[in-house]
PDB file of N, CA and C in Angstrom:
ATOM      1  N   MET A   1     -15.872  33.752  19.461  1.00  0.00           N
ATOM      2  CA  MET A   1     -14.843  32.420  18.430  1.00  0.00           C
ATOM      3  C   MET A   1     -15.848  33.147  17.911  1.00  0.00           C
ATOM      4  N   ARG A   2     -17.105  33.506  17.263  1.00  0.00           N
ATOM      5  CA  ARG A   2     -17.684  34.193  16.129  1.00  0.00           C
ATOM      6  C   ARG A   2     -17.358  35.682  15.584  1.00  0.00           C
ATOM      7  N   LYS A   3     -17.149  35.610  16.959  1.00  0.00           N
ATOM      8  CA  LYS A   3     -16.516  38.075  16.863  1.00  0.00           C
ATOM      9  C   LYS A   3     -15.716  37.744  15.905  1.00  0.00           C
ATOM     10  N   VAL A   4     -14.629  36.929  16.275  1.00  0.00           N
ATOM     11  CA  VAL A   4     -13.251  36.537  15.774  1.00  0.00           C
ATOM     12  C   VAL A   4     -13.091  36.729  13.680  1.00  0.00           C
ATOM     13  N   MET A   5     -14.524  35.378  13.673  1.00  0.00           N
ATOM     14  CA  MET A   5     -14.078  35.144  12.865  1.00  0.00           C
ATOM     15  C   MET A   5     -15.414  36.136  11.371  1.00  0.00           C
ATOM     16  N   THR A   6     -16.023  36.757  12.370  1.00  0.00           N
ATOM     17  CA  THR A   6     -16.658  37.330  12.007  1.00  0.00           C
ATOM     18  C   THR A   6     -15.598  38.445  11.340  1.00  0.00           C
ATOM     19  N   GLY A   7     -14.832  39.083  11.337  1.00  0.00           N
ATOM     20  CA  GLY A   7     -14.130  39.861  12.022  1.00  0.00           C
ATOM     21  C   GLY A   7     -12.950  39.887  10.469  1.00  0.00           C
ATOM     22  N   THR A   8     -12.458  38.901  10.883  1.00  0.00           N
ATOM     23  CA  THR A   8     -11.488  38.455  10.164  1.00  0.00           C
ATOM     24  C   THR A   8     -12.641  38.139   8.811  1.00  0.00           C
ATOM     25  N   GLN A   9     -13.677  38.208   8.218  1.00  0.00           N
ATOM     26  CA  GLN A   9     -14.152  38.280   6.878  1.00  0.00           C
ATOM     27  C   GLN A   9     -14.789  39.222   6.883  1.00  0.00           C
ATOM     28  N   LEU A  10     -15.049  40.320   7.729  1.00  0.00           N
ATOM     29  CA  LEU A  10     -14.681  41.983   6.939  1.00  0.00           C
ATOM     30  C   LEU A  10     -13.666  42.205   6.343  1.00  0.00           C
ATOM     31  N   ALA A  11     -12.464  41.949   7.056  1.00  0.00           N
ATOM     32  CA  ALA A  11     -11.395  42.440   6.928  1.00  0.00           C
ATOM     33  C   ALA A  11     -10.626  42.123   5.384  1.00  0.00           C
ATOM     34  N   VAL A  12     -11.533  40.431   4.898  1.00  0.00           N
ATOM     35  CA  VAL A  12     -10.767  40.207   3.847  1.00  0.00           C
ATOM     36  C   VAL A  12     -12.156  40.418   2.786  1.00  0.00           C
ATOM     37  N   ARG A  13     -13.206  40.682   2.880  1.00  0.00           N
ATOM     38  CA  ARG A  13     -13.807  41.755   2.635  1.00  0.00           C
ATOM     39  C   ARG A  13     -14.096  43.304   1.612  1.00  0.00           C
ATOM     40  N   LEU A  14     -13.070  44.019   2.741  1.00  0.00           N
ATOM     41  CA  LEU A  14     -12.520  44.842   2.785  1.00  0.00           C
ATOM     42  C   LEU A  14     -11.188  44.698   0.971  1.00  0.00           C
ATOM     43  N   LEU A  15     -10.165  43.751   1.586  1.00  0.00           N
ATOM     44  CA  LEU A  15      -8.875  43.780   0.810  1.00  0.00           C
ATOM     45  C   LEU A  15      -9.798  43.075  -0.524  1.00  0.00           C
ATOM     46  N   LEU A  16     -10.943  41.966  -0.074  1.00  0.00           N
ATOM     47  CA  LEU A  16     -11.417  41.884  -1.849  1.00  0.00           C
ATOM     48  C   LEU A  16     -11.708  43.122  -2.796  1.00  0.00           C
ATOM     49  N   GLU A  17     -12.461  44.162  -1.996  1.00  0.00           N
ATOM     50  CA  GLU A  17     -12.791  45.239  -2.473  1.00  0.00           C
ATOM     51  C   GLU A  17     -12.100  46.348  -3.006  1.00  0.00           C
ATOM     52  N   LEU A  18     -10.541  46.519  -2.531  1.00  0.00           N
ATOM     53  CA  LEU A  18      -9.501  46.682  -3.280  1.00  0.00           C
ATOM     54  C   LEU A  18      -9.033  46.276  -4.581  1.00  0.00           C
ATOM     55  N   ALA A  19      -9.054  45.016  -4.300  1.00  0.00           N
ATOM     56  CA  ALA A  19      -8.506  43.915  -5.118  1.00  0.00           C
ATOM     57  C   ALA A  19      -9.169  43.573  -6.261  1.00  0.00           C
ATOM     58  N   SER A  20     -10.916  44.134  -6.387  1.00  0.00           N
ATOM     59  CA  SER A  20     -12.003  44.670  -7.613  1.00  0.00           C
ATOM     60  C   SER A  20     -10.883  45.467  -7.663  1.00  0.00           C
ATOM     61  N   LEU A  21     -11.494  46.547  -7.455  1.00  0.00           N
ATOM     62  CA  LEU A  21     -10.431  48.388  -8.276  1.00  0.00           C
ATOM     63  C   LEU A  21      -9.501  47.804  -8.975  1.00  0.00           C
ATOM     64  N   VAL A  22      -8.264  47.046  -8.263  1.00  0.00           N
ATOM     65  CA  VAL A  22      -7.315  46.670  -9.275  1.00  0.00           C
ATOM     66  C   VAL A  22      -7.330  46.285 -10.062  1.00  0.00           C
ATOM     67  N   ALA A  23      -8.136  44.594 -10.490  1.00  0.00           N
ATOM     68  CA  ALA A  23      -8.456  44.028 -11.519  1.00  0.00           C
ATOM     69  C   ALA A  23      -9.371  44.822 -12.104  1.00  0.00           C
ATOM     70  N   LEU A  24      -9.785  45.433 -12.008  1.00  0.00           N
ATOM     71  CA  LEU A  24     -10.570  46.319 -12.839  1.00  0.00           C
ATOM     72  C   LEU A  24      -9.661  47.534 -13.845  1.00  0.00           C
ATOM     73  N   ALA A  25      -8.965  47.876 -13.300  1.00  0.00           N
ATOM     74  CA  ALA A  25      -7.759  49.007 -13.563  1.00  0.00           C
ATOM     75  C   ALA A  25      -6.903  47.421 -14.575  1.00  0.00           C
ATOM     76  N   ILE A  26      -6.387  47.057 -14.165  1.00  0.00           N
ATOM     77  CA  ILE A  26      -5.900  45.985 -15.013  1.00  0.00           C
ATOM     78  C   ILE A  26      -6.296  45.426 -16.115  1.00  0.00           C
ATOM     79  N   GLY A  27      -7.937  44.730 -15.977  1.00  0.00           N
ATOM     80  CA  GLY A  27      -8.155  43.758 -16.620  1.00  0.00           C
ATOM     81  C   GLY A  27      -8.636  44.901 -18.065  1.00  0.00           C
ATOM     82  N   GLY A  28      -8.892  46.755 -16.876  1.00  0.00           N
ATOM     83  CA  GLY A  28      -9.482  47.145 -18.345  1.00  0.00           C
ATOM     84  C   GLY A  28      -8.322  48.233 -19.244  1.00  0.00           C
ATOM     85  N   TYR A  29      -7.241  47.708 -18.997  1.00  0.00           N
ATOM     86  CA  TYR A  29      -5.455  47.780 -19.690  1.00  0.00           C
ATOM     87  C   TYR A  29      -5.821  47.006 -20.707  1.00  0.00           C
ATOM     88  N   GLY A  30      -6.093  45.886 -19.881  1.00  0.00           N
ATOM     89  CA  GLY A  30      -5.442  44.486 -21.169  1.00  0.00           C
ATOM     90  C   GLY A  30      -6.592  44.021 -21.678  1.00  0.00           C
ATOM     91  N   VAL A  31      -7.580  44.905 -21.836  1.00  0.00           N
ATOM     92  CA  VAL A  31      -9.096  44.069 -22.946  1.00  0.00           C
ATOM     93  C   VAL A  31      -9.221  44.862 -24.024  1.00  0.00           C
ATOM     94  N   TRP A  32      -8.028  45.951 -24.491  1.00  0.00           N
ATOM     95  CA  TRP A  32      -7.572  46.305 -26.156  1.00  0.00           C
ATOM     96  C   TRP A  32      -6.124  46.448 -26.344  1.00  0.00           C
ATOM     97  N   ALA A  33      -6.082  45.164 -25.726  1.00  0.00           N
ATOM     98  CA  ALA A  33      -4.533  44.988 -26.244  1.00  0.00           C
ATOM     99  C   ALA A  33      -3.830  45.637 -27.225  1.00  0.00           C
ATOM    100  N   ASP A  34      -4.494  46.065 -28.405  1.00  0.00           N
ATOM    101  CA  ASP A  34      -3.930  47.522 -29.715  1.00  0.00           C
ATOM    102  C   ASP A  34      -4.708  48.407 -29.498  1.00  0.00           C
ATOM    103  N   GLY A  35      -5.029  48.981 -28.385  1.00  0.00           N
ATOM    104  CA  GLY A  35      -5.987  50.414 -28.717  1.00  0.00           C
ATOM    105  C   GLY A  35      -4.824  51.075 -28.039  1.00  0.00           C
ATOM    106  N   PRO A  36      -5.195  52.418 -28.311  1.00  0.00           N
ATOM    107  CA  PRO A  36      -3.289  53.537 -28.034  1.00  0.00           C
ATOM    108  C   PRO A  36      -3.422  54.196 -26.300  1.00  0.00           C
ATOM    109  N   VAL A  37      -2.335  53.437 -26.236  1.00  0.00           N
ATOM    110  CA  VAL A  37      -1.929  53.957 -25.138  1.00  0.00           C
ATOM    111  C   VAL A  37      -2.526  55.104 -23.706  1.00  0.00           C
ATOM    112  N   VAL A  38      -2.857  55.540 -24.342  1.00  0.00           N
ATOM    113  CA  VAL A  38      -3.801  57.083 -23.487  1.00  0.00           C
ATOM    114  C   VAL A  38      -4.932  56.488 -23.526  1.00  0.00           C
ATOM    115  N   LEU A  39      -5.568  56.303 -24.208  1.00  0.00           N
ATOM    116  CA  LEU A  39      -7.283  55.156 -24.085  1.00  0.00           C
ATOM    117  C   LEU A  39      -7.241  54.500 -23.480  1.00  0.00           C
ATOM    118  N   ARG A  40      -6.447  52.758 -23.510  1.00  0.00           N
ATOM    119  CA  ARG A  40      -6.504  51.831 -22.881  1.00  0.00           C
ATOM    120  C   ARG A  40      -6.354  52.332 -21.146  1.00  0.00           C
ATOM    121  N   GLY A  41      -5.497  54.136 -20.578  1.00  0.00           N
ATOM    122  CA  GLY A  41      -5.417  54.623 -19.375  1.00  0.00           C
ATOM    123  C   GLY A  41      -6.712  55.366 -19.015  1.00  0.00           C
ATOM    124  N   LEU A  42      -6.987  55.065 -19.412  1.00  0.00           N
ATOM    125  CA  LEU A  42      -7.956  55.917 -19.533  1.00  0.00           C
ATOM    126  C   LEU A  42      -9.089  54.732 -19.464  1.00  0.00           C
ATOM    127  N   ILE A  43      -9.561  54.238 -19.482  1.00  0.00           N
ATOM    128  CA  ILE A  43     -10.210  52.692 -19.384  1.00  0.00           C
ATOM    129  C   ILE A  43     -10.023  52.154 -17.753  1.00  0.00           C
ATOM    130  N   ALA A  44      -8.748  51.946 -17.948  1.00  0.00           N
ATOM    131  CA  ALA A  44      -8.245  51.433 -16.961  1.00  0.00           C
ATOM    132  C   ALA A  44      -8.453  52.796 -15.544  1.00  0.00           C
ATOM    133  N   LEU A  45      -8.853  53.814 -15.236  1.00  0.00           N
ATOM    134  CA  LEU A  45      -8.609  55.014 -14.652  1.00  0.00           C
ATOM    135  C   LEU A  45     -10.507  54.675 -14.539  1.00  0.00           C
ATOM    136  N   ALA A  46     -11.231  55.181 -14.962  1.00  0.00           N
ATOM    137  CA  ALA A  46     -12.611  55.380 -15.899  1.00  0.00           C
ATOM    138  C   ALA A  46     -13.504  54.390 -15.042  1.00  0.00           C
ATOM    139  N   LEU A  47     -12.755  52.461 -14.952  1.00  0.00           N
ATOM    140  CA  LEU A  47     -13.637  51.643 -14.767  1.00  0.00           C
ATOM    141  C   LEU A  47     -13.613  51.570 -13.207  1.00  0.00           C
ATOM    142  N   PRO A  48     -12.398  51.908 -12.749  1.00  0.00           N
ATOM    143  CA  PRO A  48     -12.577  52.016 -11.090  1.00  0.00           C
ATOM    144  C   PRO A  48     -12.806  52.799 -10.409  1.00  0.00           C
ATOM    145  N   THR A  49     -13.225  54.646 -10.953  1.00  0.00           N
ATOM    146  CA  THR A  49     -13.251  55.310 -10.178  1.00  0.00           C
ATOM    147  C   THR A  49     -15.444  55.062 -10.964  1.00  0.00           C
ATOM    148  N   LEU A  50     -16.186  54.506 -11.464  1.00  0.00           N
ATOM    149  CA  LEU A  50     -16.997  53.832 -11.852  1.00  0.00           C
ATOM    150  C   LEU A  50     -17.488  52.629 -11.103  1.00  0.00           C
ATOM    151  N   ALA A  51     -16.651  51.563 -10.322  1.00  0.00           N
ATOM    152  CA  ALA A  51     -16.842  51.174  -9.533  1.00  0.00           C
ATOM    153  C   ALA A  51     -17.128  51.586  -8.103  1.00  0.00           C
ATOM    154  N   VAL A  52     -16.486  52.510  -7.463  1.00  0.00           N
ATOM    155  CA  VAL A  52     -16.481  53.158  -6.565  1.00  0.00           C
ATOM    156  C   VAL A  52     -17.638  53.656  -6.363  1.00  0.00           C
ATOM    157  N   VAL A  53     -17.812  54.759  -7.360  1.00  0.00           N
ATOM    158  CA  VAL A  53     -19.232  55.210  -7.445  1.00  0.00           C
ATOM    159  C   VAL A  53     -20.805  55.082  -7.086  1.00  0.00           C
ATOM    160  N   LEU A  54     -20.282  53.947  -8.132  1.00  0.00           N
ATOM    161  CA  LEU A  54     -21.799  52.868  -7.673  1.00  0.00           C
ATOM    162  C   LEU A  54     -21.861  51.851  -6.001  1.00  0.00           C
ATOM    163  N   TRP A  55     -20.409  51.179  -6.346  1.00  0.00           N
ATOM    164  CA  TRP A  55     -19.941  50.938  -4.543  1.00  0.00           C
ATOM    165  C   TRP A  55     -20.640  51.311  -3.335  1.00  0.00           C
ATOM    166  N   GLY A  56     -20.503  53.457  -3.181  1.00  0.00           N
ATOM    167  CA  GLY A  56     -20.639  53.717  -1.913  1.00  0.00           C
ATOM    168  C   GLY A  56     -21.723  54.588  -2.483  1.00  0.00           C
ATOM    169  N   ARG A  57     -22.354  54.900  -3.351  1.00  0.00           N
ATOM    170  CA  ARG A  57     -23.710  54.820  -3.735  1.00  0.00           C
ATOM    171  C   ARG A  57     -24.995  53.857  -2.907  1.00  0.00           C
ATOM    172  N   TYR A  58     -24.739  53.040  -3.808  1.00  0.00           N
ATOM    173  CA  TYR A  58     -25.238  51.739  -3.351  1.00  0.00           C
ATOM    174  C   TYR A  58     -25.487  49.706  -2.583  1.00  0.00           C
ATOM    175  N   ALA A  59     -24.370  50.401  -2.567  1.00  0.00           N
ATOM    176  CA  ALA A  59     -23.613  48.473  -2.502  1.00  0.00           C
ATOM    177  C   ALA A  59     -22.379  48.735  -0.782  1.00  0.00           C
ATOM    178  N   ALA A  60     -22.214  49.972  -0.850  1.00  0.00           N
ATOM    179  CA  ALA A  60     -21.268  50.331   1.099  1.00  0.00           C
ATOM    180  C   ALA A  60     -22.581  50.418   2.665  1.00  0.00           C
ATOM    181  N   PRO A  61     -21.859  49.446   3.152  1.00  0.00           N
ATOM    182  CA  PRO A  61     -23.134  49.781   4.777  1.00  0.00           C
ATOM    183  C   PRO A  61     -23.407  51.246   4.823  1.00  0.00           C
ATOM    184  N   ARG A  62     -22.584  51.863   4.862  1.00  0.00           N
ATOM    185  CA  ARG A  62     -23.235  53.195   4.611  1.00  0.00           C
ATOM    186  C   ARG A  62     -24.105  54.402   3.437  1.00  0.00           C
ATOM    187  N   ARG A  63     -24.473  53.245   2.386  1.00  0.00           N
ATOM    188  CA  ARG A  63     -24.862  53.752   1.310  1.00  0.00           C
ATOM    189  C   ARG A  63     -26.572  54.787   1.386  1.00  0.00           C
ATOM    190  N   PRO A  64     -26.369  55.713   0.647  1.00  0.00           N
ATOM    191  CA  PRO A  64     -26.835  56.657   0.947  1.00  0.00           C
ATOM    192  C   PRO A  64     -28.393  55.688   0.109  1.00  0.00           C
ATOM    193  N   VAL A  65     -28.393  55.185  -0.339  1.00  0.00           N
ATOM    194  CA  VAL A  65     -29.687  54.677  -1.451  1.00  0.00           C
ATOM    195  C   VAL A  65     -30.462  53.651  -0.183  1.00  0.00           C
ATOM    196  N   ARG A  66     -30.897  53.251   0.646  1.00  0.00           N
ATOM    197  CA  ARG A  66     -30.647  52.051   1.408  1.00  0.00           C
ATOM    198  C   ARG A  66     -31.913  51.494   0.990  1.00  0.00           C
ATOM    199  N   ASP A  67     -33.085  51.615  -0.028  1.00  0.00           N
ATOM    200  CA  ASP A  67     -33.789  51.277  -0.205  1.00  0.00           C
ATOM    201  C   ASP A  67     -34.164  50.312  -1.659  1.00  0.00           C
ATOM    202  N   SER A  68     -33.476  49.371  -1.511  1.00  0.00           N
ATOM    203  CA  SER A  68     -33.445  48.939  -3.046  1.00  0.00           C
ATOM    204  C   SER A  68     -32.485  48.099  -2.883  1.00  0.00           C
ATOM    205  N   ALA A  69     -32.740  46.479  -2.562  1.00  0.00           N
ATOM    206  CA  ALA A  69     -32.046  45.085  -2.395  1.00  0.00           C
ATOM    207  C   ALA A  69     -31.661  44.828  -3.281  1.00  0.00           C
ATOM    208  N   VAL A  70     -32.905  44.924  -4.438  1.00  0.00           N
ATOM    209  CA  VAL A  70     -31.495  45.236  -6.268  1.00  0.00           C
ATOM    210  C   VAL A  70     -30.649  45.924  -6.205  1.00  0.00           C
ATOM    211  N   LEU A  71     -30.985  46.393  -6.086  1.00  0.00           N
ATOM    212  CA  LEU A  71     -29.436  47.536  -6.523  1.00  0.00           C
ATOM    213  C   LEU A  71     -28.724  46.879  -5.414  1.00  0.00           C
ATOM    214  N   TRP A  72     -28.379  46.474  -3.844  1.00  0.00           N
ATOM    215  CA  TRP A  72     -27.429  46.776  -3.841  1.00  0.00           C
ATOM    216  C   TRP A  72     -27.111  44.709  -3.467  1.00  0.00           C
ATOM    217  N   TYR A  73     -27.878  44.015  -4.322  1.00  0.00           N
ATOM    218  CA  TYR A  73     -27.121  42.719  -4.576  1.00  0.00           C
ATOM    219  C   TYR A  73     -26.677  43.001  -6.397  1.00  0.00           C
ATOM    220  N   GLY A  74     -27.291  43.393  -7.445  1.00  0.00           N
ATOM    221  CA  GLY A  74     -26.620  43.919  -8.612  1.00  0.00           C
ATOM    222  C   GLY A  74     -25.362  44.299  -8.858  1.00  0.00           C
ATOM    223  N   VAL A  75     -25.201  46.169  -7.911  1.00  0.00           N
ATOM    224  CA  VAL A  75     -24.437  46.068  -7.829  1.00  0.00           C
ATOM    225  C   VAL A  75     -23.331  45.320  -7.402  1.00  0.00           C
ATOM    226  N   GLN A  76     -22.396  44.792  -6.366  1.00  0.00           N
ATOM    227  CA  GLN A  76     -21.989  43.787  -6.103  1.00  0.00           C
ATOM    228  C   GLN A  76     -21.806  42.771  -7.134  1.00  0.00           C
ATOM    229  N   LEU A  77     -22.397  42.626  -7.919  1.00  0.00           N
ATOM    230  CA  LEU A  77     -22.264  41.555  -8.815  1.00  0.00           C
ATOM    231  C   LEU A  77     -21.793  42.266 -10.172  1.00  0.00           C
ATOM    232  N   LEU A  78     -22.594  43.558 -10.650  1.00  0.00           N
ATOM    233  CA  LEU A  78     -21.703  44.012 -12.017  1.00  0.00           C
ATOM    234  C   LEU A  78     -19.971  44.434 -11.381  1.00  0.00           C
ATOM    235  N   VAL A  79     -19.961  44.715 -10.017  1.00  0.00           N
ATOM    236  CA  VAL A  79     -18.442  45.393  -9.636  1.00  0.00           C
ATOM    237  C   VAL A  79     -17.150  44.707 -10.061  1.00  0.00           C
ATOM    238  N   TRP A  80     -17.966  43.423  -8.676  1.00  0.00           N
ATOM    239  CA  TRP A  80     -16.862  41.889  -8.755  1.00  0.00           C
ATOM    240  C   TRP A  80     -16.876  40.643 -10.273  1.00  0.00           C
ATOM    241  N   GLY A  81     -18.339  40.998 -10.071  1.00  0.00           N
ATOM    242  CA  GLY A  81     -17.774  39.818 -11.746  1.00  0.00           C
ATOM    243  C   GLY A  81     -17.039  40.380 -13.391  1.00  0.00           C
ATOM    244  N   GLY A  82     -17.202  42.404 -12.753  1.00  0.00           N
ATOM    245  CA  GLY A  82     -17.048  42.906 -14.348  1.00  0.00           C
ATOM    246  C   GLY A  82     -15.522  42.905 -13.670  1.00  0.00           C
ATOM    247  N   ALA A  83     -14.536  42.676 -12.328  1.00  0.00           N
ATOM    248  CA  ALA A  83     -13.299  42.654 -12.671  1.00  0.00           C
ATOM    249  C   ALA A  83     -12.602  40.851 -12.424  1.00  0.00           C
ATOM    250  N   VAL A  84     -14.195  39.948 -12.518  1.00  0.00           N
ATOM    251  CA  VAL A  84     -12.800  39.359 -12.250  1.00  0.00           C
ATOM    252  C   VAL A  84     -12.456  38.977 -14.056  1.00  0.00           C
ATOM    253  N   THR A  85     -13.993  38.884 -14.449  1.00  0.00           N
ATOM    254  CA  THR A  85     -14.378  39.248 -16.143  1.00  0.00           C
ATOM    255  C   THR A  85     -13.521  39.307 -17.034  1.00  0.00           C
ATOM    256  N   LEU A  86     -13.061  41.039 -16.440  1.00  0.00           N
ATOM    257  CA  LEU A  86     -12.197  41.549 -17.028  1.00  0.00           C
ATOM    258  C   LEU A  86     -10.602  40.857 -17.243  1.00  0.00           C
ATOM    259  N   LEU A  87     -10.481  40.905 -16.060  1.00  0.00           N
ATOM    260  CA  LEU A  87      -8.778  39.955 -15.330  1.00  0.00           C
ATOM    261  C   LEU A  87      -8.580  38.518 -16.327  1.00  0.00           C
ATOM    262  N   ALA A  88      -9.769  37.581 -16.698  1.00  0.00           N
ATOM    263  CA  ALA A  88      -9.431  37.173 -17.293  1.00  0.00           C
ATOM    264  C   ALA A  88      -9.396  37.160 -19.201  1.00  0.00           C
ATOM    265  N   VAL A  89     -10.783  38.395 -19.133  1.00  0.00           N
ATOM    266  CA  VAL A  89     -10.300  39.098 -21.155  1.00  0.00           C
ATOM    267  C   VAL A  89      -8.706  39.498 -21.445  1.00  0.00           C
ATOM    268  N   GLY A  90      -8.285  40.326 -19.907  1.00  0.00           N
ATOM    269  CA  GLY A  90      -7.478  41.085 -20.397  1.00  0.00           C
ATOM    270  C   GLY A  90      -5.928  39.725 -20.051  1.00  0.00           C
ATOM    271  N   GLY A  91      -5.703  38.445 -20.198  1.00  0.00           N
ATOM    272  CA  GLY A  91      -4.925  37.594 -20.266  1.00  0.00           C
ATOM    273  C   GLY A  91      -4.635  37.855 -18.447  1.00  0.00           C
ATOM    274  N   HIS A  92      -5.346  37.317 -17.161  1.00  0.00           N
ATOM    275  CA  HIS A  92      -4.622  37.833 -16.471  1.00  0.00           C
ATOM    276  C   HIS A  92      -6.064  35.842 -15.828  1.00  0.00           C
ATOM    277  N   PRO A  93      -6.194  35.148 -16.896  1.00  0.00           N
ATOM    278  CA  PRO A  93      -7.352  34.101 -16.094  1.00  0.00           C
ATOM    279  C   PRO A  93      -6.569  32.970 -15.605  1.00  0.00           C
ATOM    280  N   GLY A  94      -5.902  33.154 -14.595  1.00  0.00           N
ATOM    281  CA  GLY A  94      -5.393  32.661 -13.492  1.00  0.00           C
ATOM    282  C   GLY A  94      -5.279  33.479 -12.514  1.00  0.00           C
ATOM    283  N   TRP A  95      -5.013  34.353 -12.539  1.00  0.00           N
ATOM    284  CA  TRP A  95      -5.962  35.596 -11.206  1.00  0.00           C
ATOM    285  C   TRP A  95      -7.542  35.545 -11.449  1.00  0.00           C
ATOM    286  N   ALA A  96      -7.717  35.126 -12.123  1.00  0.00           N
ATOM    287  CA  ALA A  96      -8.911  35.914 -12.197  1.00  0.00           C
ATOM    288  C   ALA A  96      -9.989  35.208 -11.543  1.00  0.00           C
ATOM    289  N   VAL A  97      -9.632  33.965 -11.744  1.00  0.00           N
ATOM    290  CA  VAL A  97      -9.704  31.701 -10.742  1.00  0.00           C
ATOM    291  C   VAL A  97      -9.644  32.150  -9.500  1.00  0.00           C
ATOM    292  N   GLY A  98      -7.904  33.043  -9.627  1.00  0.00           N
ATOM    293  CA  GLY A  98      -8.455  32.596  -7.914  1.00  0.00           C
ATOM    294  C   GLY A  98      -8.921  33.995  -6.989  1.00  0.00           C
ATOM    295  N   LEU A  99      -8.889  34.771  -7.923  1.00  0.00           N
ATOM    296  CA  LEU A  99      -9.806  36.092  -7.528  1.00  0.00           C
ATOM    297  C   LEU A  99     -11.341  35.368  -7.092  1.00  0.00           C
ATOM    298  N   GLY A 100     -11.808  35.450  -8.194  1.00  0.00           N
ATOM    299  CA  GLY A 100     -13.662  34.432  -8.027  1.00  0.00           C
ATOM    300  C   GLY A 100     -13.217  33.792  -6.905  1.00  0.00           C
ATOM    301  N   ILE A 101     -12.759  33.230  -6.826  1.00  0.00           N
ATOM    302  CA  ILE A 101     -13.117  31.332  -5.632  1.00  0.00           C
ATOM    303  C   ILE A 101     -13.141  31.859  -4.396  1.00  0.00           C
ATOM    304  N   VAL A 102     -12.474  33.199  -3.928  1.00  0.00           N
ATOM    305  CA  VAL A 102     -11.395  33.049  -2.308  1.00  0.00           C
ATOM    306  C   VAL A 102     -13.160  34.752  -2.618  1.00  0.00           C
ATOM    307  N   MET A 103     -13.149  35.441  -3.575  1.00  0.00           N
ATOM    308  CA  MET A 103     -14.683  36.048  -4.031  1.00  0.00           C
ATOM    309  C   MET A 103     -16.296  35.463  -2.680  1.00  0.00           C
ATOM    310  N   VAL A 104     -15.954  34.195  -3.435  1.00  0.00           N
ATOM    311  CA  VAL A 104     -17.003  33.674  -3.589  1.00  0.00           C
ATOM    312  C   VAL A 104     -17.297  32.753  -2.496  1.00  0.00           C
ATOM    313  N   VAL A 105     -16.414  32.489  -1.377  1.00  0.00           N
ATOM    314  CA  VAL A 105     -15.834  31.829  -0.247  1.00  0.00           C
ATOM    315  C   VAL A 105     -16.132  33.022   0.907  1.00  0.00           C
ATOM    316  N   ASN A 106     -15.742  33.647   0.582  1.00  0.00           N
ATOM    317  CA  ASN A 106     -15.948  34.705   1.917  1.00  0.00           C
ATOM    318  C   ASN A 106     -17.184  34.913   2.247  1.00  0.00           C
ATOM    319  N   THR A 107     -17.844  35.117   0.956  1.00  0.00           N
ATOM    320  CA  THR A 107     -19.612  35.925   0.524  1.00  0.00           C
ATOM    321  C   THR A 107     -20.566  34.849   1.329  1.00  0.00           C
ATOM    322  N   VAL A 108     -19.739  33.526   0.602  1.00  0.00           N
ATOM    323  CA  VAL A 108     -21.169  32.428   1.595  1.00  0.00           C
ATOM    324  C   VAL A 108     -20.401  32.445   3.042  1.00  0.00           C
ATOM    325  N   VAL A 109     -19.015  32.283   3.230  1.00  0.00           N
ATOM    326  CA  VAL A 109     -18.456  33.015   4.747  1.00  0.00           C
ATOM    327  C   VAL A 109     -19.714  33.733   5.927  1.00  0.00           C
ATOM    328  N   LEU A 110     -19.581  34.772   5.146  1.00  0.00           N
ATOM    329  CA  LEU A 110     -20.402  36.334   5.378  1.00  0.00           C
ATOM    330  C   LEU A 110     -22.064  35.986   5.626  1.00  0.00           C
ATOM    331  N   TRP A 111     -22.510  35.394   4.769  1.00  0.00           N
ATOM    332  CA  TRP A 111     -24.055  35.065   4.506  1.00  0.00           C
ATOM    333  C   TRP A 111     -24.303  33.957   5.978  1.00  0.00           C
ATOM    334  N   SER A 112     -23.288  32.873   5.688  1.00  0.00           N
ATOM    335  CA  SER A 112     -23.529  31.944   7.430  1.00  0.00           C
ATOM    336  C   SER A 112     -23.394  32.527   8.189  1.00  0.00           C
ATOM    337  N   LEU A 113     -23.512  33.849   8.683  1.00  0.00           N
ATOM    338  CA  LEU A 113     -22.640  34.644  10.086  1.00  0.00           C
ATOM    339  C   LEU A 113     -23.830  35.416  10.434  1.00  0.00           C
ATOM    340  N   GLY A 114     -24.662  35.470   8.871  1.00  0.00           N
ATOM    341  CA  GLY A 114     -25.383  36.434   8.971  1.00  0.00           C
ATOM    342  C   GLY A 114     -24.979  38.220   8.840  1.00  0.00           C
ATOM    343  N   GLU A 115     -23.886  37.926   7.975  1.00  0.00           N
ATOM    344  CA  GLU A 115     -23.138  39.128   7.712  1.00  0.00           C
ATOM    345  C   GLU A 115     -23.666  40.030   6.298  1.00  0.00           C
ATOM    346  N   TRP A 116     -24.248  38.877   5.073  1.00  0.00           N
ATOM    347  CA  TRP A 116     -24.422  39.582   4.243  1.00  0.00           C
ATOM    348  C   TRP A 116     -25.346  39.675   4.152  1.00  0.00           C
ATOM    349  N   SER A 117     -25.659  41.232   3.919  1.00  0.00           N
ATOM    350  CA  SER A 117     -27.407  41.342   3.380  1.00  0.00           C
ATOM    351  C   SER A 117     -27.557  42.592   3.694  1.00  0.00           C
ATOM    352  N   PRO A 118     -28.419  43.555   2.525  1.00  0.00           N
ATOM    353  CA  PRO A 118     -28.765  44.860   2.264  1.00  0.00           C
ATOM    354  C   PRO A 118     -29.075  45.327   3.408  1.00  0.00           C
ATOM    355  N   ALA A 119     -29.575  44.119   4.543  1.00  0.00           N
ATOM    356  CA  ALA A 119     -30.382  45.517   5.551  1.00  0.00           C
ATOM    357  C   ALA A 119     -29.325  45.483   6.684  1.00  0.00           C
ATOM    358  N   ILE A 120     -27.984  45.255   6.983  1.00  0.00           N
ATOM    359  CA  ILE A 120     -27.027  45.955   8.311  1.00  0.00           C
ATOM    360  C   ILE A 120     -26.479  47.022   7.163  1.00  0.00           C
ATOM    361  N   GLU A 121     -26.516  47.572   8.502  1.00  0.00           N
ATOM    362  CA  GLU A 121     -26.381  48.385   8.865  1.00  0.00           C
ATOM    363  C   GLU A 121     -24.858  48.570  10.159  1.00  0.00           C
ATOM    364  N   ARG A 122     -24.132  49.706   9.502  1.00  0.00           N
ATOM    365  CA  ARG A 122     -22.146  49.697  10.072  1.00  0.00           C
ATOM    366  C   ARG A 122     -22.144  50.888  10.650  1.00  0.00           C
TER     367      ARG A 122
END
């Protein structure tokens, strides 16, 4: 039963990571409502790209930089917190609250299963 729960929560985690990229793009585009469309589009592309680079380097299970738990926690907080914040500021507060709640619940469940720690390698 524990394996099923862990596997399910890790799958949800992956979906949340992908959802955060979408939220960064949507929120980044919507945060500057009166701005030029080209710049809004560039922001919508740049934020998820930056998030992917940071996540892959400092927060992914097979990340190359493993010596800093502070970076591991910080990047996750920056990417997920930024996604929720930009989604709310960009005009989608209901989606932001829903996404944030699911992110917190998933993190707490994975932590309680011993599957949320910078020491874990997959």
